[in-house]
Amino acid sequence: MSEDTLTTLKVRAARAGQSLQAYVRRLLDEEAGTLTPDEAAAQAREIASRGTVTADDVLAVIAEMREDRAA
């Protein structure tokens, strides 16, 4: 870790009223709780595999919404 990075983290921790260790732990916890694009896509595929909605169903709803807006 560069000195500039360490300094930035120390300043941010101080502004947040936290120790450097607590601040970095919070950052890591937040990062671990955020899905990567690949994880999100895998989760979406898994959820979609349990459903019965087809692409035609989605297109039909979009068409209905467009018709409602035009009216």
C-alpha atoms as a PDB file:
ATOM      1  CA  MET A   1       0.000   0.000   0.000  1.00  0.00           C
ATOM      2  CA  SER A   2       1.414   3.382  -0.954  1.00  0.00           C
ATOM      3  CA  GLU A   3       1.914   6.154   1.583  1.00  0.00           C
ATOM      4  CA  ASP A   4      -0.624   8.317  -0.276  1.00  0.00           C
ATOM      5  CA  THR A   5      -3.235   5.591   0.024  1.00  0.00           C
ATOM      6  CA  LEU A   6      -2.501   5.097   3.703  1.00  0.00           C
ATOM      7  CA  THR A   7      -2.717   8.835   4.351  1.00  0.00           C
ATOM      8  CA  THR A   8      -6.032   9.083   2.498  1.00  0.00           C
ATOM      9  CA  LEU A   9      -7.481   6.197   4.504  1.00  0.00           C
ATOM     10  CA  LYS A  10      -6.262   7.669   7.791  1.00  0.00           C
ATOM     11  CA  VAL A  11      -7.835  11.037   6.988  1.00  0.00           C
ATOM     12  CA  ARG A  12     -11.129   9.418   5.967  1.00  0.00           C
ATOM     13  CA  ALA A  13     -11.143   7.289   9.114  1.00  0.00           C
ATOM     14  CA  ALA A  14     -10.530  10.350  11.266  1.00  0.00           C
ATOM     15  CA  ARG A  15     -13.333  12.260   9.527  1.00  0.00           C
ATOM     16  CA  ALA A  16     -15.644   9.317  10.184  1.00  0.00           C
ATOM     17  CA  GLY A  17     -14.586   9.276  13.830  1.00  0.00           C
ATOM     18  CA  GLN A  18     -13.148   5.786  13.490  1.00  0.00           C
ATOM     19  CA  SER A  19      -9.820   4.125  13.921  1.00  0.00           C
ATOM     20  CA  LEU A  20      -8.049   3.150  10.725  1.00  0.00           C
ATOM     21  CA  GLN A  21      -8.686  -0.508  11.545  1.00  0.00           C
ATOM     22  CA  ALA A  22     -12.426   0.026  12.078  1.00  0.00           C
ATOM     23  CA  TYR A  23     -12.694   2.138   8.933  1.00  0.00           C
ATOM     24  CA  VAL A  24     -10.935  -0.445   6.762  1.00  0.00           C
ATOM     25  CA  ARG A  25     -12.988  -3.259   8.324  1.00  0.00           C
ATOM     26  CA  ARG A  26     -16.184  -1.377   7.401  1.00  0.00           C
ATOM     27  CA  LEU A  27     -14.928  -0.885   3.843  1.00  0.00           C
ATOM     28  CA  LEU A  28     -14.162  -4.579   3.543  1.00  0.00           C
ATOM     29  CA  ASP A  29     -17.550  -5.545   5.003  1.00  0.00           C
ATOM     30  CA  GLU A  30     -19.302  -3.287   2.479  1.00  0.00           C
ATOM     31  CA  GLU A  31     -17.252  -4.714  -0.386  1.00  0.00           C
ATOM     32  CA  ALA A  32     -18.003  -8.273   0.674  1.00  0.00           C
ATOM     33  CA  GLY A  33     -21.703  -7.443   0.839  1.00  0.00           C
ATOM     34  CA  THR A  34     -21.801  -6.044  -2.687  1.00  0.00           C
ATOM     35  CA  LEU A  35     -22.414  -8.488  -5.509  1.00  0.00           C
ATOM     36  CA  THR A  36     -20.009  -8.472  -8.411  1.00  0.00           C
ATOM     37  CA  PRO A  37     -21.612  -8.271 -11.867  1.00  0.00           C
ATOM     38  CA  ASP A  38     -20.940 -11.992 -12.355  1.00  0.00           C
ATOM     39  CA  GLU A  39     -22.502 -12.839  -8.981  1.00  0.00           C
ATOM     40  CA  ALA A  40     -25.530 -10.663  -9.716  1.00  0.00           C
ATOM     41  CA  ALA A  41     -25.987 -12.281 -13.118  1.00  0.00           C
ATOM     42  CA  ALA A  42     -25.728 -15.764 -11.612  1.00  0.00           C
ATOM     43  CA  GLN A  43     -28.259 -14.846  -8.938  1.00  0.00           C
ATOM     44  CA  ALA A  44     -30.610 -13.393 -11.554  1.00  0.00           C
ATOM     45  CA  ARG A  45     -30.332 -16.557 -13.671  1.00  0.00           C
ATOM     46  CA  GLU A  46     -31.054 -18.699 -10.630  1.00  0.00           C
ATOM     47  CA  ILE A  47     -34.118 -16.640  -9.727  1.00  0.00           C
ATOM     48  CA  ALA A  48     -35.307 -16.618 -13.333  1.00  0.00           C
ATOM     49  CA  SER A  49     -34.943 -20.397 -13.578  1.00  0.00           C
ATOM     50  CA  ARG A  50     -37.565 -20.777 -10.826  1.00  0.00           C
ATOM     51  CA  GLY A  51     -40.066 -18.555 -12.622  1.00  0.00           C
ATOM     52  CA  THR A  52     -42.531 -19.174 -15.398  1.00  0.00           C
ATOM     53  CA  VAL A  53     -42.320 -15.759 -17.067  1.00  0.00           C
ATOM     54  CA  THR A  54     -41.273 -15.938 -20.700  1.00  0.00           C
ATOM     55  CA  ALA A  55     -39.704 -13.325 -22.937  1.00  0.00           C
ATOM     56  CA  ASP A  56     -43.074 -13.068 -24.688  1.00  0.00           C
ATOM     57  CA  ASP A  57     -44.711 -12.236 -21.340  1.00  0.00           C
ATOM     58  CA  VAL A  58     -42.224  -9.431 -20.765  1.00  0.00           C
ATOM     59  CA  LEU A  59     -42.712  -8.070 -24.274  1.00  0.00           C
ATOM     60  CA  ALA A  60     -46.490  -8.143 -23.828  1.00  0.00           C
ATOM     61  CA  VAL A  61     -46.266  -6.120 -20.612  1.00  0.00           C
ATOM     62  CA  ILE A  62     -43.947  -3.603 -22.258  1.00  0.00           C
ATOM     63  CA  ALA A  63     -46.400  -3.237 -25.145  1.00  0.00           C
ATOM     64  CA  GLU A  64     -49.271  -2.702 -22.698  1.00  0.00           C
ATOM     65  CA  MET A  65     -47.294  -0.047 -20.821  1.00  0.00           C
ATOM     66  CA  ARG A  66     -46.493   1.758 -24.053  1.00  0.00           C
ATOM     67  CA  GLU A  67     -50.169   1.667 -25.061  1.00  0.00           C
ATOM     68  CA  ASP A  68     -51.193   3.063 -21.666  1.00  0.00           C
ATOM     69  CA  ARG A  69     -48.715   5.939 -22.005  1.00  0.00           C
ATOM     70  CA  ALA A  70     -49.939   6.765 -25.505  1.00  0.00           C
ATOM     71  CA  ALA A  71     -53.568   6.908 -24.359  1.00  0.00           C
END
